[in-house]
Amino acid sequence: MFNSKGWNVIGDELHGESMCKAISKIKDIEIAELYAPNNLPKEKLDVMIYLNDTEPHQEWAKKHILYMQNAYGEGSDKILKNFQNVGYDGYAFISNKLLDIHKQEGHDGIFLPFGVDTELFYPREKEEEFGFDVAYVGNDIKGEVRTNKYLLPAAQFNFGLFGNWHIPESNIRSRIKFWEKREKIPHYRKIFSKLSRGKIPQEKVPILYSSAKINLNCTAQDCVDWDVITLRTFEVLACRGFLITDKVPIAEKTMQGCMVFTDGDDDLIEKIGYYLSNEKEREKIAGKGYEYALKNAAIDSRMNELFNYLRQII
């Protein structure tokens, strides 16, 4: 079950479909389907897994599992308190730190990091259209501080920026009307509104990751705080894409040599410049990241872990 409200509907839906496809391959699974508030099950299920903040209903399934895989501005630890009071039958976390807190408070759950669908994300033939020096796919949700630090420096290069960065005309008029309050559109938004190439078709994303010389990753602060490796990270690596990312402790500990870590700002500019000039080094790192994604982050393996947990609950 994914909630159709919110900015990341397409991403959530594709992730949910990949989960269902992988679960369906497991021998003892009869059927796995993706549901939404406008597409509810017609018969009571054995288990429903919730990917968003949806309160369980007993008529939907016999057991209800929360897969807590979003980032929250107010902090995932605070949101977890609310989820614990809802009364799910089980919990899965993309953060080991959150799972530890959950268990310390007497609850059960498993660590279930993101898994990449390697039937969708795999190395593609490079296309000139997407042969940017630097590329990023995402919307304006990381906040001004992190966007300025980890994305804006790329604007001085041949930057393939995709996503919803447009400033609505009504927003601009509102800013002018209330100028006396000194409300200003952030500097990066003015730049990115001009640079953005808009939404990219989902089937083109793996081609972009394969074709761009450098891909960027900017992690939400909540995911940094709770030590989460994002799904985008694995998707880029599974396409044998070269990735420069901000620092998350678990990634630095387990994925050295698979991608390049940056402190942002001038450090990011220097590293973009360096790796644009060193193609062989880029390819070596991208190759190691690709091997890591296939061996350690495939969604089929993740869903087997989930199924083993479900068997304990059912």
C-alpha atoms as a PDB file:
ATOM      1  CA  MET A   1       0.000   0.000   0.000  1.00  0.00           C
ATOM      2  CA  PHE A   2       1.369   3.388  -0.950  1.00  0.00           C
ATOM      3  CA  ASN A   3      -0.331   6.686  -0.214  1.00  0.00           C
ATOM      4  CA  SER A   4      -1.067   8.655  -3.370  1.00  0.00           C
ATOM      5  CA  LYS A   5      -0.757  11.978  -1.555  1.00  0.00           C
ATOM      6  CA  GLY A   6       2.523  13.866  -1.683  1.00  0.00           C
ATOM      7  CA  TRP A   7       5.226  14.942  -4.116  1.00  0.00           C
ATOM      8  CA  ASN A   8       6.889  11.601  -4.803  1.00  0.00           C
ATOM      9  CA  VAL A   9       3.940   9.572  -6.086  1.00  0.00           C
ATOM     10  CA  ILE A  10       5.716   8.223  -9.169  1.00  0.00           C
ATOM     11  CA  GLY A  11       8.830   7.225  -7.237  1.00  0.00           C
ATOM     12  CA  ASP A  12       6.797   5.525  -4.516  1.00  0.00           C
ATOM     13  CA  GLU A  13       4.666   3.681  -7.043  1.00  0.00           C
ATOM     14  CA  LEU A  14       7.645   2.377  -9.016  1.00  0.00           C
ATOM     15  CA  HIS A  15       9.391   1.279  -5.838  1.00  0.00           C
ATOM     16  CA  GLY A  16       6.215  -0.488  -4.703  1.00  0.00           C
ATOM     17  CA  GLU A  17       5.802  -2.215  -8.054  1.00  0.00           C
ATOM     18  CA  SER A  18       9.406  -3.428  -7.918  1.00  0.00           C
ATOM     19  CA  MET A  19       8.795  -4.811  -4.420  1.00  0.00           C
ATOM     20  CA  CYS A  20       5.680  -6.656  -5.597  1.00  0.00           C
ATOM     21  CA  LYS A  21       7.491  -8.077  -8.620  1.00  0.00           C
ATOM     22  CA  ALA A  22      10.339  -9.363  -6.440  1.00  0.00           C
ATOM     23  CA  ILE A  23       8.024 -10.807  -3.779  1.00  0.00           C
ATOM     24  CA  SER A  24       5.995 -12.583  -6.469  1.00  0.00           C
ATOM     25  CA  LYS A  25       9.091 -14.580  -7.432  1.00  0.00           C
ATOM     26  CA  ILE A  26       9.185 -16.250  -3.996  1.00  0.00           C
ATOM     27  CA  LYS A  27       7.887 -19.809  -4.131  1.00  0.00           C
ATOM     28  CA  ASP A  28       5.326 -19.635  -1.316  1.00  0.00           C
ATOM     29  CA  ILE A  29       3.795 -16.320  -2.387  1.00  0.00           C
ATOM     30  CA  GLU A  30       0.452 -16.653  -4.145  1.00  0.00           C
ATOM     31  CA  ILE A  31       0.097 -13.040  -5.268  1.00  0.00           C
ATOM     32  CA  ALA A  32       1.566  -9.625  -4.477  1.00  0.00           C
ATOM     33  CA  GLU A  33      -0.134  -6.467  -5.735  1.00  0.00           C
ATOM     34  CA  LEU A  34       0.310  -2.740  -5.247  1.00  0.00           C
ATOM     35  CA  TYR A  35      -2.602  -0.900  -3.671  1.00  0.00           C
ATOM     36  CA  ALA A  36      -3.421   2.763  -3.067  1.00  0.00           C
ATOM     37  CA  PRO A  37      -6.291   4.652  -1.396  1.00  0.00           C
ATOM     38  CA  ASN A  38      -8.096   4.706  -4.745  1.00  0.00           C
ATOM     39  CA  ASN A  39      -7.321   1.031  -5.418  1.00  0.00           C
ATOM     40  CA  LEU A  40      -8.003  -1.039  -2.305  1.00  0.00           C
ATOM     41  CA  PRO A  41      -8.061  -4.851  -2.083  1.00  0.00           C
ATOM     42  CA  LYS A  42     -11.389  -6.466  -2.924  1.00  0.00           C
ATOM     43  CA  GLU A  43     -10.692  -9.412  -0.619  1.00  0.00           C
ATOM     44  CA  LYS A  44      -8.991  -9.515   2.765  1.00  0.00           C
ATOM     45  CA  LEU A  45      -5.240 -10.099   2.383  1.00  0.00           C
ATOM     46  CA  ASP A  46      -2.917 -12.122   4.585  1.00  0.00           C
ATOM     47  CA  VAL A  47      -0.527  -9.157   4.918  1.00  0.00           C
ATOM     48  CA  MET A  48      -0.498  -5.527   3.845  1.00  0.00           C
ATOM     49  CA  ILE A  49       2.796  -3.593   3.846  1.00  0.00           C
ATOM     50  CA  TYR A  50       2.521   0.179   4.169  1.00  0.00           C
ATOM     51  CA  LEU A  51       5.091   2.339   2.391  1.00  0.00           C
ATOM     52  CA  ASN A  52       3.666   5.664   3.596  1.00  0.00           C
ATOM     53  CA  ASP A  53       1.806   7.169   6.516  1.00  0.00           C
ATOM     54  CA  THR A  54      -1.391   5.190   6.065  1.00  0.00           C
ATOM     55  CA  GLU A  55      -3.347   3.992   9.068  1.00  0.00           C
ATOM     56  CA  PRO A  56      -4.159   0.269   8.822  1.00  0.00           C
ATOM     57  CA  HIS A  57      -7.731  -0.943   8.496  1.00  0.00           C
ATOM     58  CA  GLN A  58      -8.609  -4.416   9.732  1.00  0.00           C
ATOM     59  CA  GLU A  59     -10.858  -5.091   6.747  1.00  0.00           C
ATOM     60  CA  TRP A  60      -7.890  -4.764   4.376  1.00  0.00           C
ATOM     61  CA  ALA A  61      -5.709  -7.540   5.797  1.00  0.00           C
ATOM     62  CA  LYS A  62      -5.108  -9.930   8.680  1.00  0.00           C
ATOM     63  CA  LYS A  63      -1.669  -8.446   9.445  1.00  0.00           C
ATOM     64  CA  HIS A  64      -0.277  -4.966   8.879  1.00  0.00           C
ATOM     65  CA  ILE A  65       3.429  -4.140   8.436  1.00  0.00           C
ATOM     66  CA  LEU A  66       4.898  -0.631   8.320  1.00  0.00           C
ATOM     67  CA  TYR A  67       7.952  -0.190   6.094  1.00  0.00           C
ATOM     68  CA  MET A  68       9.263   3.120   7.409  1.00  0.00           C
ATOM     69  CA  GLN A  69      11.170   4.341   4.356  1.00  0.00           C
ATOM     70  CA  ASN A  70      10.524   8.097   4.156  1.00  0.00           C
ATOM     71  CA  ALA A  71      12.443  11.122   5.452  1.00  0.00           C
ATOM     72  CA  TYR A  72      10.752  13.528   7.855  1.00  0.00           C
ATOM     73  CA  GLY A  73      11.569  17.163   8.502  1.00  0.00           C
ATOM     74  CA  GLU A  74      10.554  16.869  12.144  1.00  0.00           C
ATOM     75  CA  GLY A  75      12.763  13.811  12.628  1.00  0.00           C
ATOM     76  CA  SER A  76      12.019  10.108  12.106  1.00  0.00           C
ATOM     77  CA  ASP A  77      12.393   9.364  15.815  1.00  0.00           C
ATOM     78  CA  LYS A  78       9.464  11.678  16.608  1.00  0.00           C
ATOM     79  CA  ILE A  79       7.337  10.229  13.825  1.00  0.00           C
ATOM     80  CA  LEU A  80       8.133   6.688  14.997  1.00  0.00           C
ATOM     81  CA  LYS A  81       6.394   7.409  18.312  1.00  0.00           C
ATOM     82  CA  ASN A  82       3.177   8.082  16.417  1.00  0.00           C
ATOM     83  CA  PHE A  83       3.527   4.913  14.345  1.00  0.00           C
ATOM     84  CA  GLN A  84       4.085   2.780  17.432  1.00  0.00           C
ATOM     85  CA  ASN A  85       0.770   3.999  18.821  1.00  0.00           C
ATOM     86  CA  VAL A  86      -1.116   3.041  15.658  1.00  0.00           C
ATOM     87  CA  GLY A  87      -0.688  -0.669  16.296  1.00  0.00           C
ATOM     88  CA  TYR A  88       1.015  -2.231  13.289  1.00  0.00           C
ATOM     89  CA  ASP A  89       1.818  -5.933  13.629  1.00  0.00           C
ATOM     90  CA  GLY A  90       5.387  -5.465  12.422  1.00  0.00           C
ATOM     91  CA  TYR A  91       7.934  -2.878  11.388  1.00  0.00           C
ATOM     92  CA  ALA A  92      10.743  -2.666   8.831  1.00  0.00           C
ATOM     93  CA  PHE A  93      13.330   0.129   8.830  1.00  0.00           C
ATOM     94  CA  ILE A  94      15.861   1.556   6.389  1.00  0.00           C
ATOM     95  CA  SER A  95      17.751   2.814   9.458  1.00  0.00           C
ATOM     96  CA  ASN A  96      19.498   0.505  11.916  1.00  0.00           C
ATOM     97  CA  LYS A  97      19.626   3.360  14.428  1.00  0.00           C
ATOM     98  CA  LEU A  98      15.843   3.690  14.373  1.00  0.00           C
ATOM     99  CA  LEU A  99      15.438  -0.068  14.667  1.00  0.00           C
ATOM    100  CA  ASP A 100      17.647  -0.049  17.765  1.00  0.00           C
ATOM    101  CA  ILE A 101      15.466   2.618  19.398  1.00  0.00           C
ATOM    102  CA  HIS A 102      12.361   0.669  18.420  1.00  0.00           C
ATOM    103  CA  LYS A 103      13.680  -2.521  20.014  1.00  0.00           C
ATOM    104  CA  GLN A 104      14.875  -0.736  23.157  1.00  0.00           C
ATOM    105  CA  GLU A 105      11.283   0.345  23.672  1.00  0.00           C
ATOM    106  CA  GLY A 106      10.107  -3.269  23.565  1.00  0.00           C
ATOM    107  CA  HIS A 107       8.974  -3.517  19.937  1.00  0.00           C
ATOM    108  CA  ASP A 108       9.919  -5.965  17.194  1.00  0.00           C
ATOM    109  CA  GLY A 109      11.182  -5.176  13.699  1.00  0.00           C
ATOM    110  CA  ILE A 110      13.847  -5.744  11.048  1.00  0.00           C
ATOM    111  CA  PHE A 111      16.480  -3.713   9.234  1.00  0.00           C
ATOM    112  CA  LEU A 112      15.502  -3.635   5.558  1.00  0.00           C
ATOM    113  CA  PRO A 113      17.654  -1.245   3.497  1.00  0.00           C
ATOM    114  CA  PHE A 114      16.512  -0.091   0.083  1.00  0.00           C
ATOM    115  CA  GLY A 115      16.901  -2.580  -2.741  1.00  0.00           C
ATOM    116  CA  VAL A 116      17.405  -1.704  -6.399  1.00  0.00           C
ATOM    117  CA  ASP A 117      15.418  -3.324  -9.185  1.00  0.00           C
ATOM    118  CA  THR A 118      18.227  -4.537 -11.430  1.00  0.00           C
ATOM    119  CA  GLU A 119      15.732  -5.373 -14.183  1.00  0.00           C
ATOM    120  CA  LEU A 120      15.026  -1.636 -14.499  1.00  0.00           C
ATOM    121  CA  PHE A 121      18.335  -0.140 -13.405  1.00  0.00           C
ATOM    122  CA  TYR A 122      21.220  -1.657 -15.341  1.00  0.00           C
ATOM    123  CA  PRO A 123      23.974  -0.253 -17.598  1.00  0.00           C
ATOM    124  CA  ARG A 124      22.545   1.228 -20.799  1.00  0.00           C
ATOM    125  CA  GLU A 125      24.116   2.395 -24.028  1.00  0.00           C
ATOM    126  CA  LYS A 126      25.272   5.969 -23.586  1.00  0.00           C
ATOM    127  CA  GLU A 127      23.132   8.544 -25.379  1.00  0.00           C
ATOM    128  CA  GLU A 128      24.506  11.895 -26.464  1.00  0.00           C
ATOM    129  CA  GLU A 129      21.342  13.641 -25.271  1.00  0.00           C
ATOM    130  CA  PHE A 130      22.226  12.715 -21.686  1.00  0.00           C
ATOM    131  CA  GLY A 131      25.998  13.049 -21.884  1.00  0.00           C
ATOM    132  CA  PHE A 132      26.151  15.826 -19.281  1.00  0.00           C
ATOM    133  CA  ASP A 133      29.255  16.564 -17.254  1.00  0.00           C
ATOM    134  CA  VAL A 134      27.076  16.389 -14.120  1.00  0.00           C
ATOM    135  CA  ALA A 135      23.481  15.200 -13.633  1.00  0.00           C
ATOM    136  CA  TYR A 136      20.872  15.172 -10.880  1.00  0.00           C
ATOM    137  CA  VAL A 137      17.252  14.008 -10.785  1.00  0.00           C
ATOM    138  CA  GLY A 138      15.069  15.263  -7.953  1.00  0.00           C
ATOM    139  CA  ASN A 139      12.734  17.938  -6.685  1.00  0.00           C
ATOM    140  CA  ASP A 140      13.315  20.912  -4.420  1.00  0.00           C
ATOM    141  CA  ILE A 141      12.846  19.121  -1.090  1.00  0.00           C
ATOM    142  CA  LYS A 142      16.315  18.965   0.477  1.00  0.00           C
ATOM    143  CA  GLY A 143      16.217  22.455   1.985  1.00  0.00           C
ATOM    144  CA  GLU A 144      18.229  25.573   1.237  1.00  0.00           C
ATOM    145  CA  VAL A 145      21.340  24.625   3.230  1.00  0.00           C
ATOM    146  CA  ARG A 146      21.903  21.198   1.664  1.00  0.00           C
ATOM    147  CA  THR A 147      20.889  22.324  -1.819  1.00  0.00           C
ATOM    148  CA  ASN A 148      23.354  25.224  -1.705  1.00  0.00           C
ATOM    149  CA  LYS A 149      26.098  22.931  -0.426  1.00  0.00           C
ATOM    150  CA  TYR A 150      25.690  19.786  -2.510  1.00  0.00           C
ATOM    151  CA  LEU A 151      23.876  20.807  -5.720  1.00  0.00           C
ATOM    152  CA  LEU A 152      24.356  24.493  -6.505  1.00  0.00           C
ATOM    153  CA  PRO A 153      28.139  24.158  -7.124  1.00  0.00           C
ATOM    154  CA  ALA A 154      27.324  21.962 -10.141  1.00  0.00           C
ATOM    155  CA  ALA A 155      25.580  24.882 -11.852  1.00  0.00           C
ATOM    156  CA  GLN A 156      28.908  26.129 -13.246  1.00  0.00           C
ATOM    157  CA  PHE A 157      29.367  22.892 -15.230  1.00  0.00           C
ATOM    158  CA  ASN A 158      27.346  21.326 -18.052  1.00  0.00           C
ATOM    159  CA  PHE A 159      24.597  20.386 -15.578  1.00  0.00           C
ATOM    160  CA  GLY A 160      21.703  18.086 -16.474  1.00  0.00           C
ATOM    161  CA  LEU A 161      19.188  19.038 -13.770  1.00  0.00           C
ATOM    162  CA  PHE A 162      15.816  17.291 -13.913  1.00  0.00           C
ATOM    163  CA  GLY A 163      12.774  17.654 -11.691  1.00  0.00           C
ATOM    164  CA  ASN A 164      10.285  20.241 -10.507  1.00  0.00           C
ATOM    165  CA  TRP A 165      12.363  23.384  -9.924  1.00  0.00           C
ATOM    166  CA  HIS A 166      10.068  25.831 -11.679  1.00  0.00           C
ATOM    167  CA  ILE A 167       8.998  28.963  -9.785  1.00  0.00           C
ATOM    168  CA  PRO A 168       5.250  29.473 -10.431  1.00  0.00           C
ATOM    169  CA  GLU A 169       4.309  32.885 -11.813  1.00  0.00           C
ATOM    170  CA  SER A 170       1.823  33.323  -8.963  1.00  0.00           C
ATOM    171  CA  ASN A 171       4.694  32.807  -6.513  1.00  0.00           C
ATOM    172  CA  ILE A 172       6.721  35.519  -8.212  1.00  0.00           C
ATOM    173  CA  ARG A 173       3.783  37.947  -8.158  1.00  0.00           C
ATOM    174  CA  SER A 174       3.211  37.180  -4.491  1.00  0.00           C
ATOM    175  CA  ARG A 175       6.846  37.916  -3.690  1.00  0.00           C
ATOM    176  CA  ILE A 176       6.620  41.256  -5.472  1.00  0.00           C
ATOM    177  CA  LYS A 177       3.332  42.161  -3.807  1.00  0.00           C
ATOM    178  CA  PHE A 178       4.690  41.510  -0.338  1.00  0.00           C
ATOM    179  CA  TRP A 179       8.154  42.933  -0.948  1.00  0.00           C
ATOM    180  CA  GLU A 180       7.803  45.107   2.152  1.00  0.00           C
ATOM    181  CA  LYS A 181       8.094  41.896   4.194  1.00  0.00           C
ATOM    182  CA  ARG A 182      11.403  41.182   2.417  1.00  0.00           C
ATOM    183  CA  GLU A 183      10.298  37.728   1.366  1.00  0.00           C
ATOM    184  CA  LYS A 184      12.835  36.522  -1.170  1.00  0.00           C
ATOM    185  CA  ILE A 185      13.050  33.555  -3.460  1.00  0.00           C
ATOM    186  CA  PRO A 186      16.254  31.648  -2.558  1.00  0.00           C
ATOM    187  CA  HIS A 187      19.173  32.317  -4.893  1.00  0.00           C
ATOM    188  CA  TYR A 188      19.535  28.667  -5.904  1.00  0.00           C
ATOM    189  CA  ARG A 189      15.870  28.494  -6.972  1.00  0.00           C
ATOM    190  CA  LYS A 190      16.295  31.368  -9.389  1.00  0.00           C
ATOM    191  CA  ILE A 191      19.256  29.583 -10.969  1.00  0.00           C
ATOM    192  CA  PHE A 192      17.729  26.103 -10.974  1.00  0.00           C
ATOM    193  CA  SER A 193      14.406  27.385 -12.326  1.00  0.00           C
ATOM    194  CA  LYS A 194      16.296  28.455 -15.456  1.00  0.00           C
ATOM    195  CA  LEU A 195      18.573  25.403 -15.601  1.00  0.00           C
ATOM    196  CA  SER A 196      15.982  22.695 -14.969  1.00  0.00           C
ATOM    197  CA  ARG A 197      14.999  20.541 -17.917  1.00  0.00           C
ATOM    198  CA  GLY A 198      11.760  19.544 -16.190  1.00  0.00           C
ATOM    199  CA  LYS A 199      10.607  16.041 -15.463  1.00  0.00           C
ATOM    200  CA  ILE A 200      12.443  13.174 -17.111  1.00  0.00           C
ATOM    201  CA  PRO A 201      10.479  10.101 -18.258  1.00  0.00           C
ATOM    202  CA  GLN A 202      11.164   7.266 -15.841  1.00  0.00           C
ATOM    203  CA  GLU A 203      12.363   4.958 -18.606  1.00  0.00           C
ATOM    204  CA  LYS A 204      15.051   7.523 -19.454  1.00  0.00           C
ATOM    205  CA  VAL A 205      16.473   7.780 -15.913  1.00  0.00           C
ATOM    206  CA  PRO A 206      18.738   4.682 -16.214  1.00  0.00           C
ATOM    207  CA  ILE A 207      20.008   6.034 -19.544  1.00  0.00           C
ATOM    208  CA  LEU A 208      20.853   9.343 -17.858  1.00  0.00           C
ATOM    209  CA  TYR A 209      22.687   7.578 -15.007  1.00  0.00           C
ATOM    210  CA  SER A 210      24.631   5.521 -17.563  1.00  0.00           C
ATOM    211  CA  SER A 211      25.410   8.438 -19.874  1.00  0.00           C
ATOM    212  CA  ALA A 212      26.311  11.321 -17.553  1.00  0.00           C
ATOM    213  CA  LYS A 213      29.973  11.579 -16.669  1.00  0.00           C
ATOM    214  CA  ILE A 214      29.113  12.355 -13.028  1.00  0.00           C
ATOM    215  CA  ASN A 215      25.879  11.807 -11.107  1.00  0.00           C
ATOM    216  CA  LEU A 216      25.166  13.659  -7.865  1.00  0.00           C
ATOM    217  CA  ASN A 217      23.376  12.542  -4.730  1.00  0.00           C
ATOM    218  CA  CYS A 218      22.090  14.933  -2.075  1.00  0.00           C
ATOM    219  CA  THR A 219      20.655  13.192   0.994  1.00  0.00           C
ATOM    220  CA  ALA A 220      17.863  14.613   3.141  1.00  0.00           C
ATOM    221  CA  GLN A 221      19.116  15.698   6.557  1.00  0.00           C
ATOM    222  CA  ASP A 222      16.827  13.217   8.309  1.00  0.00           C
ATOM    223  CA  CYS A 223      18.427  10.350   6.374  1.00  0.00           C
ATOM    224  CA  VAL A 224      21.902  11.616   7.293  1.00  0.00           C
ATOM    225  CA  ASP A 225      20.872  11.833  10.954  1.00  0.00           C
ATOM    226  CA  TRP A 226      19.570   8.259  10.929  1.00  0.00           C
ATOM    227  CA  ASP A 227      22.344   6.792   8.767  1.00  0.00           C
ATOM    228  CA  VAL A 228      20.408   5.817   5.648  1.00  0.00           C
ATOM    229  CA  ILE A 229      21.774   4.961   2.210  1.00  0.00           C
ATOM    230  CA  THR A 230      19.212   6.267  -0.270  1.00  0.00           C
ATOM    231  CA  LEU A 231      17.610   4.282  -3.069  1.00  0.00           C
ATOM    232  CA  ARG A 232      19.025   6.756  -5.613  1.00  0.00           C
ATOM    233  CA  THR A 233      22.527   5.702  -4.553  1.00  0.00           C
ATOM    234  CA  PHE A 234      21.919   2.072  -5.478  1.00  0.00           C
ATOM    235  CA  GLU A 235      20.043   2.953  -8.671  1.00  0.00           C
ATOM    236  CA  VAL A 236      22.950   5.027  -9.993  1.00  0.00           C
ATOM    237  CA  LEU A 237      25.491   2.339  -9.096  1.00  0.00           C
ATOM    238  CA  ALA A 238      23.367  -0.414 -10.666  1.00  0.00           C
ATOM    239  CA  CYS A 239      23.550   1.518 -13.955  1.00  0.00           C
ATOM    240  CA  ARG A 240      27.332   1.551 -13.607  1.00  0.00           C
ATOM    241  CA  GLY A 241      27.043   5.282 -13.117  1.00  0.00           C
ATOM    242  CA  PHE A 242      29.774   7.308 -11.445  1.00  0.00           C
ATOM    243  CA  LEU A 243      28.449   8.968  -8.280  1.00  0.00           C
ATOM    244  CA  ILE A 244      29.591  11.846  -6.085  1.00  0.00           C
ATOM    245  CA  THR A 245      27.564  11.948  -2.874  1.00  0.00           C
ATOM    246  CA  ASP A 246      27.350  13.750   0.427  1.00  0.00           C
ATOM    247  CA  LYS A 247      28.555  11.829   3.464  1.00  0.00           C
ATOM    248  CA  VAL A 248      26.490   9.281   5.376  1.00  0.00           C
ATOM    249  CA  PRO A 249      28.447   7.278   7.984  1.00  0.00           C
ATOM    250  CA  ILE A 250      27.201   3.826   6.982  1.00  0.00           C
ATOM    251  CA  ALA A 251      28.010   4.486   3.322  1.00  0.00           C
ATOM    252  CA  GLU A 252      31.507   5.740   4.171  1.00  0.00           C
ATOM    253  CA  LYS A 253      32.063   2.624   6.275  1.00  0.00           C
ATOM    254  CA  THR A 254      30.778   0.001   3.837  1.00  0.00           C
ATOM    255  CA  MET A 255      31.129   1.517   0.347  1.00  0.00           C
ATOM    256  CA  GLN A 256      34.570   3.078   0.145  1.00  0.00           C
ATOM    257  CA  GLY A 257      35.835   2.994  -3.422  1.00  0.00           C
ATOM    258  CA  CYS A 258      32.333   2.492  -4.827  1.00  0.00           C
ATOM    259  CA  MET A 259      31.640   6.231  -5.141  1.00  0.00           C
ATOM    260  CA  VAL A 260      33.216   9.531  -4.154  1.00  0.00           C
ATOM    261  CA  PHE A 261      32.248  11.379  -0.977  1.00  0.00           C
ATOM    262  CA  THR A 262      32.231  15.156  -0.741  1.00  0.00           C
ATOM    263  CA  ASP A 263      31.957  17.896   1.878  1.00  0.00           C
ATOM    264  CA  GLY A 264      30.155  20.029  -0.685  1.00  0.00           C
ATOM    265  CA  ASP A 265      30.866  23.639  -1.725  1.00  0.00           C
ATOM    266  CA  ASP A 266      34.457  24.093  -2.968  1.00  0.00           C
ATOM    267  CA  ASP A 267      35.277  20.441  -2.287  1.00  0.00           C
ATOM    268  CA  LEU A 268      32.489  19.394  -4.663  1.00  0.00           C
ATOM    269  CA  ILE A 269      33.692  21.805  -7.355  1.00  0.00           C
ATOM    270  CA  GLU A 270      37.240  20.458  -7.061  1.00  0.00           C
ATOM    271  CA  LYS A 271      36.116  16.829  -7.236  1.00  0.00           C
ATOM    272  CA  ILE A 272      33.850  17.419 -10.222  1.00  0.00           C
ATOM    273  CA  GLY A 273      36.736  19.083 -12.030  1.00  0.00           C
ATOM    274  CA  TYR A 274      39.178  16.335 -11.083  1.00  0.00           C
ATOM    275  CA  TYR A 275      36.999  13.404 -12.138  1.00  0.00           C
ATOM    276  CA  LEU A 276      35.919  15.063 -15.365  1.00  0.00           C
ATOM    277  CA  SER A 277      39.615  15.029 -16.261  1.00  0.00           C
ATOM    278  CA  ASN A 278      40.214  11.428 -15.137  1.00  0.00           C
ATOM    279  CA  GLU A 279      37.939   9.121 -17.093  1.00  0.00           C
ATOM    280  CA  LYS A 280      39.765   5.872 -16.261  1.00  0.00           C
ATOM    281  CA  GLU A 281      39.537   6.578 -12.551  1.00  0.00           C
ATOM    282  CA  ARG A 282      35.832   7.330 -12.928  1.00  0.00           C
ATOM    283  CA  GLU A 283      35.268   4.046 -14.737  1.00  0.00           C
ATOM    284  CA  LYS A 284      37.176   2.067 -12.107  1.00  0.00           C
ATOM    285  CA  ILE A 285      35.110   3.497  -9.255  1.00  0.00           C
ATOM    286  CA  ALA A 286      31.858   3.098 -11.203  1.00  0.00           C
ATOM    287  CA  GLY A 287      32.742  -0.547 -11.883  1.00  0.00           C
ATOM    288  CA  LYS A 288      33.299  -1.239  -8.206  1.00  0.00           C
ATOM    289  CA  GLY A 289      30.025   0.464  -7.315  1.00  0.00           C
ATOM    290  CA  TYR A 290      28.205  -1.610  -9.911  1.00  0.00           C
ATOM    291  CA  GLU A 291      29.562  -4.849  -8.460  1.00  0.00           C
ATOM    292  CA  TYR A 292      28.571  -3.741  -4.962  1.00  0.00           C
ATOM    293  CA  ALA A 293      24.991  -2.938  -6.008  1.00  0.00           C
ATOM    294  CA  LEU A 294      24.501  -6.312  -7.700  1.00  0.00           C
ATOM    295  CA  LYS A 295      26.013  -8.272  -4.830  1.00  0.00           C
ATOM    296  CA  ASN A 296      24.639  -6.386  -1.839  1.00  0.00           C
ATOM    297  CA  ALA A 297      21.616  -4.271  -2.783  1.00  0.00           C
ATOM    298  CA  ALA A 298      19.399  -6.163  -5.261  1.00  0.00           C
ATOM    299  CA  ILE A 299      15.715  -5.958  -4.439  1.00  0.00           C
ATOM    300  CA  ASP A 300      15.172  -9.712  -4.828  1.00  0.00           C
ATOM    301  CA  SER A 301      17.496 -10.328  -1.889  1.00  0.00           C
ATOM    302  CA  ARG A 302      15.809  -7.615   0.184  1.00  0.00           C
ATOM    303  CA  MET A 303      12.358  -9.081  -0.430  1.00  0.00           C
ATOM    304  CA  ASN A 304      13.548 -12.518   0.637  1.00  0.00           C
ATOM    305  CA  GLU A 305      14.588 -10.937   3.933  1.00  0.00           C
ATOM    306  CA  LEU A 306      11.152  -9.337   4.205  1.00  0.00           C
ATOM    307  CA  PHE A 307       9.413 -12.630   3.461  1.00  0.00           C
ATOM    308  CA  ASN A 308      11.370 -14.428   6.196  1.00  0.00           C
ATOM    309  CA  TYR A 309      10.224 -11.749   8.633  1.00  0.00           C
ATOM    310  CA  LEU A 310       6.603 -12.054   7.478  1.00  0.00           C
ATOM    311  CA  ARG A 311       6.659 -15.795   8.125  1.00  0.00           C
ATOM    312  CA  GLN A 312       7.489 -15.090  11.777  1.00  0.00           C
ATOM    313  CA  ILE A 313       4.496 -12.763  12.081  1.00  0.00           C
ATOM    314  CA  ILE A 314       1.910 -14.760  10.158  1.00  0.00           C
END
